[in-house]
Amino acid sequence: MPPRAPLRHHAHLVRPRFAGGLLLTLALVASGCGILGNGEATPTPDTGGEKVGSGRSVVAGAPSGPNIAVWLTSYGVMPWKTSIPSGGPVTFTIANHGEELHDFAIVRFDGDARTLPTDGGRLALGQLQIVTRSEPYPPGREWDVSTNLEPGRYVIVSTRSQDYSAGMGASFTVGATNDAPVPAPPADNAVGAYVVEHGVMLTTTRVKAGTIAIDIQNMGREAHDLAVARWRGDVDTLPVSAGRVMLDGLIEVHRVGMIPSGGRARVAVEAPAGYSYVVLATGTDEYERGMRAAFRAE
């Protein structure tokens, strides 16, 4: 098993959208800034002179269209399809929902997606059969990668730094089925929440105040105990003790319970204006390792 993701204290980037599907106006500066969960522009990270792709701003809502969508977060990878029936040309549309630079690569590998060779926590690139690899892209950006895939087993990864060891790897199969969970669009205009190791991604950061349904899907390989908590501060500032969020001290908490891999749960909240709702994993260190995301009622 790869090492556990490092502890982080960041807000998550997600796709802004009203629960009813009304697209928010995205205020992006010309330099290609992303959008934070609070709607503020976030500057492109310092790249140290590294060549970085510009891409386009992330499109709101669950993906549609002929391309295979892949969502990245810090630290997780979620393909919206985990297999295709036959080999040939294929185009992936990648969206960086994380708060750091991430790239996209496809590695031919017949083993478990979690067992690629590493060296000092980084992927051992010289030992990998890399089919294609993109430049890194900033948070809040989307880009396309086209390639030709032969039948076989692959791993979708981010190759930057220790991204893979922190959880950024997912299996993909050509010409055969894949037992990895497959995400579905949220039902009935609900807020979609997708859980991976180690991250949570949402389909919206802004909703109208009132009754809000949250459609939670566990796309990770492990079961996770989840909760939804009302909060007025930033998503990464909930009180933590001994690696766990202190849920008993919060004003409003909806305990979702343990959701198995591929499982799904639905929660409804009465969201007053001015408050955020945080979807989070309650296991030890999971919240601090990135398994959290929030939307705000207005």
C-alpha atoms as a PDB file:
ATOM      1  CA  MET A   1       0.000   0.000   0.000  1.00  0.00           C
ATOM      2  CA  PRO A   2       1.291   3.547  -0.720  1.00  0.00           C
ATOM      3  CA  PRO A   3       2.069   5.758   2.270  1.00  0.00           C
ATOM      4  CA  ARG A   4      -0.781   7.826   3.670  1.00  0.00           C
ATOM      5  CA  ALA A   5      -1.364  11.307   2.369  1.00  0.00           C
ATOM      6  CA  PRO A   6       0.419  14.100   4.237  1.00  0.00           C
ATOM      7  CA  LEU A   7      -1.595  16.334   6.516  1.00  0.00           C
ATOM      8  CA  ARG A   8      -2.820  19.444   4.710  1.00  0.00           C
ATOM      9  CA  HIS A   9      -4.708  22.571   5.676  1.00  0.00           C
ATOM     10  CA  HIS A  10      -6.301  23.833   2.486  1.00  0.00           C
ATOM     11  CA  ALA A  11      -9.692  24.751   1.105  1.00  0.00           C
ATOM     12  CA  HIS A  12     -10.936  22.581  -1.774  1.00  0.00           C
ATOM     13  CA  LEU A  13     -11.644  23.768  -5.282  1.00  0.00           C
ATOM     14  CA  VAL A  14     -14.934  22.646  -6.758  1.00  0.00           C
ATOM     15  CA  ARG A  15     -17.333  23.414  -9.568  1.00  0.00           C
ATOM     16  CA  PRO A  16     -19.593  26.354  -8.675  1.00  0.00           C
ATOM     17  CA  ARG A  17     -23.247  25.736  -9.450  1.00  0.00           C
ATOM     18  CA  PHE A  18     -26.642  26.358  -7.879  1.00  0.00           C
ATOM     19  CA  ALA A  19     -28.462  23.210  -6.791  1.00  0.00           C
ATOM     20  CA  GLY A  20     -31.061  23.907  -9.465  1.00  0.00           C
ATOM     21  CA  GLY A  21     -28.380  23.992 -12.125  1.00  0.00           C
ATOM     22  CA  LEU A  22     -27.963  27.759 -12.618  1.00  0.00           C
ATOM     23  CA  LEU A  23     -24.377  28.394 -13.544  1.00  0.00           C
ATOM     24  CA  LEU A  24     -22.632  31.061 -11.537  1.00  0.00           C
ATOM     25  CA  THR A  25     -20.578  33.713 -13.266  1.00  0.00           C
ATOM     26  CA  LEU A  26     -16.925  32.834 -12.789  1.00  0.00           C
ATOM     27  CA  ALA A  27     -14.672  35.767 -12.095  1.00  0.00           C
ATOM     28  CA  LEU A  28     -11.350  34.614 -13.438  1.00  0.00           C
ATOM     29  CA  VAL A  29      -8.477  36.956 -14.003  1.00  0.00           C
ATOM     30  CA  ALA A  30      -6.724  36.923 -17.352  1.00  0.00           C
ATOM     31  CA  SER A  31      -3.745  35.051 -15.947  1.00  0.00           C
ATOM     32  CA  GLY A  32      -5.852  31.932 -15.432  1.00  0.00           C
ATOM     33  CA  CYS A  33      -6.680  31.972 -11.737  1.00  0.00           C
ATOM     34  CA  GLY A  34      -8.854  29.242 -10.244  1.00  0.00           C
ATOM     35  CA  ILE A  35     -11.840  29.683  -7.975  1.00  0.00           C
ATOM     36  CA  LEU A  36     -11.784  28.823  -4.303  1.00  0.00           C
ATOM     37  CA  GLY A  37     -14.748  27.328  -2.477  1.00  0.00           C
ATOM     38  CA  ASN A  38     -15.592  30.805  -1.161  1.00  0.00           C
ATOM     39  CA  GLY A  39     -15.819  32.178  -4.703  1.00  0.00           C
ATOM     40  CA  GLU A  40     -12.602  34.170  -4.503  1.00  0.00           C
ATOM     41  CA  ALA A  41      -9.942  33.952  -7.196  1.00  0.00           C
ATOM     42  CA  THR A  42      -6.818  32.092  -6.189  1.00  0.00           C
ATOM     43  CA  PRO A  43      -3.526  33.006  -7.883  1.00  0.00           C
ATOM     44  CA  THR A  44      -1.733  30.477 -10.013  1.00  0.00           C
ATOM     45  CA  PRO A  45       0.777  28.691  -7.726  1.00  0.00           C
ATOM     46  CA  ASP A  46       4.444  29.588  -7.932  1.00  0.00           C
ATOM     47  CA  THR A  47       5.901  27.139 -10.457  1.00  0.00           C
ATOM     48  CA  GLY A  48       9.568  27.915  -9.960  1.00  0.00           C
ATOM     49  CA  GLY A  49       9.996  28.377 -13.705  1.00  0.00           C
ATOM     50  CA  GLU A  50       8.378  25.047 -14.566  1.00  0.00           C
ATOM     51  CA  LYS A  51       6.287  25.009 -17.734  1.00  0.00           C
ATOM     52  CA  VAL A  52       2.618  24.929 -16.739  1.00  0.00           C
ATOM     53  CA  GLY A  53      -0.445  24.515 -18.946  1.00  0.00           C
ATOM     54  CA  SER A  54      -3.086  27.240 -19.038  1.00  0.00           C
ATOM     55  CA  GLY A  55      -6.161  25.197 -19.959  1.00  0.00           C
ATOM     56  CA  ARG A  56      -9.632  26.646 -19.493  1.00  0.00           C
ATOM     57  CA  SER A  57     -11.838  27.292 -16.514  1.00  0.00           C
ATOM     58  CA  VAL A  58     -13.585  24.246 -15.090  1.00  0.00           C
ATOM     59  CA  VAL A  59     -17.125  23.758 -16.385  1.00  0.00           C
ATOM     60  CA  ALA A  60     -19.889  23.540 -13.780  1.00  0.00           C
ATOM     61  CA  GLY A  61     -21.765  20.394 -12.800  1.00  0.00           C
ATOM     62  CA  ALA A  62     -21.398  16.708 -13.571  1.00  0.00           C
ATOM     63  CA  PRO A  63     -19.529  16.107 -16.849  1.00  0.00           C
ATOM     64  CA  SER A  64     -21.256  15.430 -20.154  1.00  0.00           C
ATOM     65  CA  GLY A  65     -20.117  14.845 -23.716  1.00  0.00           C
ATOM     66  CA  PRO A  66     -18.141  12.152 -25.523  1.00  0.00           C
ATOM     67  CA  ASN A  67     -14.835  12.549 -23.694  1.00  0.00           C
ATOM     68  CA  ILE A  68     -13.927  10.596 -20.560  1.00  0.00           C
ATOM     69  CA  ALA A  69     -13.934  13.033 -17.654  1.00  0.00           C
ATOM     70  CA  VAL A  70     -11.302  12.713 -14.933  1.00  0.00           C
ATOM     71  CA  TRP A  71     -11.449  14.806 -11.752  1.00  0.00           C
ATOM     72  CA  LEU A  72      -8.320  15.459  -9.710  1.00  0.00           C
ATOM     73  CA  THR A  73      -8.138  16.718  -6.154  1.00  0.00           C
ATOM     74  CA  SER A  74      -5.468  16.910  -3.490  1.00  0.00           C
ATOM     75  CA  TYR A  75      -5.129  13.992  -3.189  1.00  0.00           C
ATOM     76  CA  GLY A  76      -7.297  11.765  -5.318  1.00  0.00           C
ATOM     77  CA  VAL A  77      -8.198  10.780  -8.882  1.00  0.00           C
ATOM     78  CA  MET A  78     -11.750  10.034 -10.028  1.00  0.00           C
ATOM     79  CA  PRO A  79     -12.407   8.905 -13.621  1.00  0.00           C
ATOM     80  CA  TRP A  80     -16.085   9.087 -14.569  1.00  0.00           C
ATOM     81  CA  LYS A  81     -15.559   5.908 -16.584  1.00  0.00           C
ATOM     82  CA  THR A  82     -13.226   3.167 -15.392  1.00  0.00           C
ATOM     83  CA  SER A  83     -13.205   1.112 -18.598  1.00  0.00           C
ATOM     84  CA  ILE A  84     -13.897   1.223 -22.325  1.00  0.00           C
ATOM     85  CA  PRO A  85     -14.899  -1.808 -24.416  1.00  0.00           C
ATOM     86  CA  SER A  86     -12.166  -1.687 -27.037  1.00  0.00           C
ATOM     87  CA  GLY A  87      -8.854  -0.105 -27.902  1.00  0.00           C
ATOM     88  CA  GLY A  88      -8.319   2.874 -30.146  1.00  0.00           C
ATOM     89  CA  PRO A  89      -8.198   6.666 -29.895  1.00  0.00           C
ATOM     90  CA  VAL A  90      -9.638   8.188 -26.735  1.00  0.00           C
ATOM     91  CA  THR A  91      -9.803  11.708 -25.325  1.00  0.00           C
ATOM     92  CA  PHE A  92      -9.790  12.509 -21.616  1.00  0.00           C
ATOM     93  CA  THR A  93     -11.044  15.815 -20.184  1.00  0.00           C
ATOM     94  CA  ILE A  94      -9.235  16.480 -16.915  1.00  0.00           C
ATOM     95  CA  ALA A  95     -10.372  18.971 -14.266  1.00  0.00           C
ATOM     96  CA  ASN A  96      -8.119  20.036 -11.395  1.00  0.00           C
ATOM     97  CA  HIS A  97     -10.353  20.421  -8.332  1.00  0.00           C
ATOM     98  CA  GLY A  98      -7.349  20.466  -5.995  1.00  0.00           C
ATOM     99  CA  GLU A  99      -5.465  23.357  -4.460  1.00  0.00           C
ATOM    100  CA  GLU A 100      -2.100  22.470  -6.019  1.00  0.00           C
ATOM    101  CA  LEU A 101      -0.607  21.922  -9.465  1.00  0.00           C
ATOM    102  CA  HIS A 102      -1.366  18.438 -10.794  1.00  0.00           C
ATOM    103  CA  ASP A 103      -0.575  16.695 -14.046  1.00  0.00           C
ATOM    104  CA  PHE A 104      -2.202  13.733 -15.787  1.00  0.00           C
ATOM    105  CA  ALA A 105      -0.511  10.575 -16.959  1.00  0.00           C
ATOM    106  CA  ILE A 106      -1.590   7.131 -18.127  1.00  0.00           C
ATOM    107  CA  VAL A 107       0.671   4.227 -17.193  1.00  0.00           C
ATOM    108  CA  ARG A 108       0.424   0.715 -18.660  1.00  0.00           C
ATOM    109  CA  PHE A 109       0.471  -1.584 -15.635  1.00  0.00           C
ATOM    110  CA  ASP A 110      -1.025  -5.027 -15.016  1.00  0.00           C
ATOM    111  CA  GLY A 111      -0.886  -4.907 -11.221  1.00  0.00           C
ATOM    112  CA  ASP A 112      -2.913  -3.179  -8.537  1.00  0.00           C
ATOM    113  CA  ALA A 113      -3.198   0.589  -9.155  1.00  0.00           C
ATOM    114  CA  ARG A 114      -1.790   1.203  -5.681  1.00  0.00           C
ATOM    115  CA  THR A 115       1.456  -0.712  -6.285  1.00  0.00           C
ATOM    116  CA  LEU A 116       3.342   1.278  -8.928  1.00  0.00           C
ATOM    117  CA  PRO A 117       7.088   1.452  -8.174  1.00  0.00           C
ATOM    118  CA  THR A 118       8.180   4.458  -6.143  1.00  0.00           C
ATOM    119  CA  ASP A 119      11.453   5.939  -4.961  1.00  0.00           C
ATOM    120  CA  GLY A 120      11.456   8.111  -1.853  1.00  0.00           C
ATOM    121  CA  GLY A 121       7.689   8.601  -2.090  1.00  0.00           C
ATOM    122  CA  ARG A 122       7.818   9.688  -5.732  1.00  0.00           C
ATOM    123  CA  LEU A 123       6.887   7.588  -8.732  1.00  0.00           C
ATOM    124  CA  ALA A 124       9.917   5.843 -10.227  1.00  0.00           C
ATOM    125  CA  LEU A 125       9.240   7.272 -13.689  1.00  0.00           C
ATOM    126  CA  GLY A 126      12.112   5.430 -15.333  1.00  0.00           C
ATOM    127  CA  GLN A 127      10.531   2.110 -14.379  1.00  0.00           C
ATOM    128  CA  LEU A 128       7.094   2.963 -15.766  1.00  0.00           C
ATOM    129  CA  GLN A 129       5.564   2.404 -19.190  1.00  0.00           C
ATOM    130  CA  ILE A 130       4.053   5.877 -19.588  1.00  0.00           C
ATOM    131  CA  VAL A 131       1.632   6.075 -22.510  1.00  0.00           C
ATOM    132  CA  THR A 132       0.981   9.812 -22.269  1.00  0.00           C
ATOM    133  CA  ARG A 133       1.674  12.597 -19.807  1.00  0.00           C
ATOM    134  CA  SER A 134       0.481  16.196 -19.689  1.00  0.00           C
ATOM    135  CA  GLU A 135       2.027  19.332 -18.314  1.00  0.00           C
ATOM    136  CA  PRO A 136       0.888  20.286 -14.811  1.00  0.00           C
ATOM    137  CA  TYR A 137      -2.138  22.576 -14.616  1.00  0.00           C
ATOM    138  CA  PRO A 138      -3.195  25.018 -11.888  1.00  0.00           C
ATOM    139  CA  PRO A 139      -6.228  24.665  -9.629  1.00  0.00           C
ATOM    140  CA  GLY A 140      -9.572  25.375 -11.248  1.00  0.00           C
ATOM    141  CA  ARG A 141      -8.348  24.556 -14.775  1.00  0.00           C
ATOM    142  CA  GLU A 142      -9.529  21.955 -17.287  1.00  0.00           C
ATOM    143  CA  TRP A 143      -7.708  20.438 -20.270  1.00  0.00           C
ATOM    144  CA  ASP A 144      -7.913  17.609 -22.815  1.00  0.00           C
ATOM    145  CA  VAL A 145      -5.505  14.753 -23.490  1.00  0.00           C
ATOM    146  CA  SER A 146      -5.915  12.521 -26.551  1.00  0.00           C
ATOM    147  CA  THR A 147      -4.085   9.242 -26.994  1.00  0.00           C
ATOM    148  CA  ASN A 148      -4.384   5.755 -28.443  1.00  0.00           C
ATOM    149  CA  LEU A 149      -4.895   2.903 -25.977  1.00  0.00           C
ATOM    150  CA  GLU A 150      -4.443  -0.776 -26.688  1.00  0.00           C
ATOM    151  CA  PRO A 151      -6.463  -3.384 -24.779  1.00  0.00           C
ATOM    152  CA  GLY A 152      -5.048  -3.881 -21.297  1.00  0.00           C
ATOM    153  CA  ARG A 153      -4.852  -2.446 -17.802  1.00  0.00           C
ATOM    154  CA  TYR A 154      -3.716   1.084 -16.989  1.00  0.00           C
ATOM    155  CA  VAL A 155      -3.302   3.458 -14.059  1.00  0.00           C
ATOM    156  CA  ILE A 156      -4.278   7.142 -14.205  1.00  0.00           C
ATOM    157  CA  VAL A 157      -1.951   9.189 -12.013  1.00  0.00           C
ATOM    158  CA  SER A 158      -0.524  12.577 -11.201  1.00  0.00           C
ATOM    159  CA  THR A 159       3.251  12.239 -11.371  1.00  0.00           C
ATOM    160  CA  ARG A 160       4.168  15.434  -9.525  1.00  0.00           C
ATOM    161  CA  SER A 161       6.123  15.246  -6.271  1.00  0.00           C
ATOM    162  CA  GLN A 162       4.497  12.679  -3.945  1.00  0.00           C
ATOM    163  CA  ASP A 163       1.012  12.959  -5.470  1.00  0.00           C
ATOM    164  CA  TYR A 164       0.792   9.273  -6.268  1.00  0.00           C
ATOM    165  CA  SER A 165       1.960   8.113  -2.842  1.00  0.00           C
ATOM    166  CA  ALA A 166      -0.600  10.462  -1.304  1.00  0.00           C
ATOM    167  CA  GLY A 167      -3.445   8.756  -3.178  1.00  0.00           C
ATOM    168  CA  MET A 168      -3.493  10.099  -6.748  1.00  0.00           C
ATOM    169  CA  GLY A 169      -3.839   6.872  -8.696  1.00  0.00           C
ATOM    170  CA  ALA A 170      -6.879   5.123 -10.219  1.00  0.00           C
ATOM    171  CA  SER A 171      -7.286   2.033 -12.377  1.00  0.00           C
ATOM    172  CA  PHE A 172      -8.536   2.129 -15.969  1.00  0.00           C
ATOM    173  CA  THR A 173      -9.170  -0.844 -18.256  1.00  0.00           C
ATOM    174  CA  VAL A 174      -9.438  -1.171 -22.040  1.00  0.00           C
ATOM    175  CA  GLY A 175     -11.239  -4.163 -23.544  1.00  0.00           C
ATOM    176  CA  ALA A 176     -12.440  -5.614 -20.241  1.00  0.00           C
ATOM    177  CA  THR A 177     -14.554  -4.671 -17.241  1.00  0.00           C
ATOM    178  CA  ASN A 178     -13.163  -2.905 -14.188  1.00  0.00           C
ATOM    179  CA  ASP A 179     -14.368  -3.507 -10.632  1.00  0.00           C
ATOM    180  CA  ALA A 180     -13.592   0.048  -9.467  1.00  0.00           C
ATOM    181  CA  PRO A 181     -16.628   2.147  -8.449  1.00  0.00           C
ATOM    182  CA  VAL A 182     -18.108   4.355 -11.176  1.00  0.00           C
ATOM    183  CA  PRO A 183     -19.573   7.757 -10.218  1.00  0.00           C
ATOM    184  CA  ALA A 184     -23.049   8.807 -11.291  1.00  0.00           C
ATOM    185  CA  PRO A 185     -24.482  12.320 -11.698  1.00  0.00           C
ATOM    186  CA  PRO A 186     -26.339  13.503  -8.592  1.00  0.00           C
ATOM    187  CA  ALA A 187     -30.057  12.718  -8.612  1.00  0.00           C
ATOM    188  CA  ASP A 188     -32.884  15.289  -8.536  1.00  0.00           C
ATOM    189  CA  ASN A 189     -30.688  18.411  -8.628  1.00  0.00           C
ATOM    190  CA  ALA A 190     -28.933  17.415  -5.424  1.00  0.00           C
ATOM    191  CA  VAL A 191     -25.458  18.602  -4.516  1.00  0.00           C
ATOM    192  CA  GLY A 192     -23.152  15.810  -5.671  1.00  0.00           C
ATOM    193  CA  ALA A 193     -20.395  14.827  -3.225  1.00  0.00           C
ATOM    194  CA  TYR A 194     -17.749  12.326  -4.363  1.00  0.00           C
ATOM    195  CA  VAL A 195     -15.380  10.764  -1.844  1.00  0.00           C
ATOM    196  CA  VAL A 196     -11.984   9.320  -2.795  1.00  0.00           C
ATOM    197  CA  GLU A 197      -8.750   8.618  -0.953  1.00  0.00           C
ATOM    198  CA  HIS A 198      -7.833  11.322  -0.005  1.00  0.00           C
ATOM    199  CA  GLY A 199     -10.300  13.987  -1.051  1.00  0.00           C
ATOM    200  CA  VAL A 200     -13.893  15.091  -1.505  1.00  0.00           C
ATOM    201  CA  MET A 201     -15.194  16.794  -4.667  1.00  0.00           C
ATOM    202  CA  LEU A 202     -18.509  18.616  -5.053  1.00  0.00           C
ATOM    203  CA  THR A 203     -20.618  19.732  -8.003  1.00  0.00           C
ATOM    204  CA  THR A 204     -21.365  23.097  -6.381  1.00  0.00           C
ATOM    205  CA  THR A 205     -20.049  25.660  -3.941  1.00  0.00           C
ATOM    206  CA  ARG A 206     -23.125  27.938  -3.935  1.00  0.00           C
ATOM    207  CA  VAL A 207     -26.775  27.035  -3.330  1.00  0.00           C
ATOM    208  CA  LYS A 208     -29.951  28.932  -2.558  1.00  0.00           C
ATOM    209  CA  ALA A 209     -30.835  28.870   1.138  1.00  0.00           C
ATOM    210  CA  GLY A 210     -33.514  26.332   1.968  1.00  0.00           C
ATOM    211  CA  THR A 211     -33.854  22.565   1.807  1.00  0.00           C
ATOM    212  CA  ILE A 212     -30.759  21.108   0.157  1.00  0.00           C
ATOM    213  CA  ALA A 213     -30.279  17.454  -0.761  1.00  0.00           C
ATOM    214  CA  ILE A 214     -26.737  16.060  -0.785  1.00  0.00           C
ATOM    215  CA  ASP A 215     -26.038  12.936  -2.848  1.00  0.00           C
ATOM    216  CA  ILE A 216     -22.875  11.351  -1.385  1.00  0.00           C
ATOM    217  CA  GLN A 217     -21.018   8.639  -3.308  1.00  0.00           C
ATOM    218  CA  ASN A 218     -17.954   6.771  -2.071  1.00  0.00           C
ATOM    219  CA  MET A 219     -15.690   6.270  -5.076  1.00  0.00           C
ATOM    220  CA  GLY A 220     -12.752   5.182  -2.933  1.00  0.00           C
ATOM    221  CA  ARG A 221     -11.451   1.668  -2.414  1.00  0.00           C
ATOM    222  CA  GLU A 222     -12.141   1.775   1.326  1.00  0.00           C
ATOM    223  CA  ALA A 223     -15.270   2.302   3.417  1.00  0.00           C
ATOM    224  CA  HIS A 224     -15.499   5.746   5.016  1.00  0.00           C
ATOM    225  CA  ASP A 225     -17.517   7.122   7.913  1.00  0.00           C
ATOM    226  CA  LEU A 226     -18.940  10.440   6.712  1.00  0.00           C
ATOM    227  CA  ALA A 227     -20.761  13.417   8.164  1.00  0.00           C
ATOM    228  CA  VAL A 228     -22.168  16.762   7.053  1.00  0.00           C
ATOM    229  CA  ALA A 229     -21.582  19.693   9.419  1.00  0.00           C
ATOM    230  CA  ARG A 230     -22.845  23.273   9.377  1.00  0.00           C
ATOM    231  CA  TRP A 231     -20.007  25.770   9.701  1.00  0.00           C
ATOM    232  CA  ARG A 232     -19.473  29.485   9.268  1.00  0.00           C
ATOM    233  CA  GLY A 233     -15.711  29.520   8.837  1.00  0.00           C
ATOM    234  CA  ASP A 234     -13.333  28.167   6.221  1.00  0.00           C
ATOM    235  CA  VAL A 235     -13.579  24.506   5.292  1.00  0.00           C
ATOM    236  CA  ASP A 236     -10.196  23.713   6.848  1.00  0.00           C
ATOM    237  CA  THR A 237     -10.821  25.352  10.246  1.00  0.00           C
ATOM    238  CA  LEU A 238     -13.171  22.895  11.979  1.00  0.00           C
ATOM    239  CA  PRO A 239     -12.003  21.982  15.511  1.00  0.00           C
ATOM    240  CA  VAL A 240      -9.882  18.837  15.597  1.00  0.00           C
ATOM    241  CA  SER A 241      -8.708  16.728  18.518  1.00  0.00           C
ATOM    242  CA  ALA A 242      -6.546  13.599  18.266  1.00  0.00           C
ATOM    243  CA  GLY A 243      -6.906  13.676  14.480  1.00  0.00           C
ATOM    244  CA  ARG A 244     -10.718  13.766  14.436  1.00  0.00           C
ATOM    245  CA  VAL A 245     -13.184  16.619  13.953  1.00  0.00           C
ATOM    246  CA  MET A 246     -14.947  17.459  17.227  1.00  0.00           C
ATOM    247  CA  LEU A 247     -18.438  16.914  15.851  1.00  0.00           C
ATOM    248  CA  ASP A 248     -20.158  16.960  19.240  1.00  0.00           C
ATOM    249  CA  GLY A 249     -19.198  20.604  19.716  1.00  0.00           C
ATOM    250  CA  LEU A 250     -20.742  21.811  16.448  1.00  0.00           C
ATOM    251  CA  ILE A 251     -24.162  23.449  16.083  1.00  0.00           C
ATOM    252  CA  GLU A 252     -25.548  21.046  13.481  1.00  0.00           C
ATOM    253  CA  VAL A 253     -24.190  17.683  12.395  1.00  0.00           C
ATOM    254  CA  HIS A 254     -25.737  15.043  10.171  1.00  0.00           C
ATOM    255  CA  ARG A 255     -23.966  11.730  10.737  1.00  0.00           C
ATOM    256  CA  VAL A 256     -24.149   9.815   7.492  1.00  0.00           C
ATOM    257  CA  GLY A 257     -22.413   6.722   8.832  1.00  0.00           C
ATOM    258  CA  MET A 258     -20.141   4.223   7.165  1.00  0.00           C
ATOM    259  CA  ILE A 259     -20.461   4.063   3.380  1.00  0.00           C
ATOM    260  CA  PRO A 260     -18.769   1.101   1.662  1.00  0.00           C
ATOM    261  CA  SER A 261     -16.755   1.408  -1.522  1.00  0.00           C
ATOM    262  CA  GLY A 262     -19.216   2.147  -4.314  1.00  0.00           C
ATOM    263  CA  GLY A 263     -21.942   2.966  -1.793  1.00  0.00           C
ATOM    264  CA  ARG A 264     -24.256   5.942  -1.814  1.00  0.00           C
ATOM    265  CA  ALA A 265     -26.197   7.967   0.758  1.00  0.00           C
ATOM    266  CA  ARG A 266     -28.499  10.968   0.681  1.00  0.00           C
ATOM    267  CA  VAL A 267     -28.786  13.707   3.289  1.00  0.00           C
ATOM    268  CA  ALA A 268     -31.168  16.678   3.428  1.00  0.00           C
ATOM    269  CA  VAL A 269     -30.363  19.876   5.328  1.00  0.00           C
ATOM    270  CA  GLU A 270     -32.238  23.114   5.992  1.00  0.00           C
ATOM    271  CA  ALA A 271     -29.502  25.532   4.970  1.00  0.00           C
ATOM    272  CA  PRO A 272     -29.790  29.111   6.280  1.00  0.00           C
ATOM    273  CA  ALA A 273     -28.166  31.890   4.298  1.00  0.00           C
ATOM    274  CA  GLY A 274     -24.622  32.737   5.311  1.00  0.00           C
ATOM    275  CA  TYR A 275     -23.630  29.241   6.455  1.00  0.00           C
ATOM    276  CA  SER A 276     -21.547  26.540   4.840  1.00  0.00           C
ATOM    277  CA  TYR A 277     -22.046  22.789   4.966  1.00  0.00           C
ATOM    278  CA  VAL A 278     -18.927  20.653   5.083  1.00  0.00           C
ATOM    279  CA  VAL A 279     -18.968  17.086   3.767  1.00  0.00           C
ATOM    280  CA  LEU A 280     -16.181  15.297   5.620  1.00  0.00           C
ATOM    281  CA  ALA A 281     -14.712  11.937   6.562  1.00  0.00           C
ATOM    282  CA  THR A 282     -14.614  11.351  10.308  1.00  0.00           C
ATOM    283  CA  GLY A 283     -11.799   8.779  10.515  1.00  0.00           C
ATOM    284  CA  THR A 284      -8.539   9.588  12.250  1.00  0.00           C
ATOM    285  CA  ASP A 285      -6.560  12.190  10.250  1.00  0.00           C
ATOM    286  CA  GLU A 286      -8.903  11.891   7.242  1.00  0.00           C
ATOM    287  CA  TYR A 287     -10.257  15.433   7.535  1.00  0.00           C
ATOM    288  CA  GLU A 288      -6.769  16.913   7.866  1.00  0.00           C
ATOM    289  CA  ARG A 289      -5.490  14.830   4.945  1.00  0.00           C
ATOM    290  CA  GLY A 290      -7.970  16.474   2.606  1.00  0.00           C
ATOM    291  CA  MET A 291     -11.207  14.505   2.913  1.00  0.00           C
ATOM    292  CA  ARG A 292     -13.503  17.537   3.149  1.00  0.00           C
ATOM    293  CA  ALA A 293     -15.303  20.002   0.904  1.00  0.00           C
ATOM    294  CA  ALA A 294     -17.964  22.656   1.481  1.00  0.00           C
ATOM    295  CA  PHE A 295     -20.783  24.540  -0.200  1.00  0.00           C
ATOM    296  CA  ARG A 296     -22.338  27.800   1.013  1.00  0.00           C
ATOM    297  CA  ALA A 297     -26.008  28.805   1.216  1.00  0.00           C
ATOM    298  CA  GLU A 298     -26.927  32.303   0.045  1.00  0.00           C
END
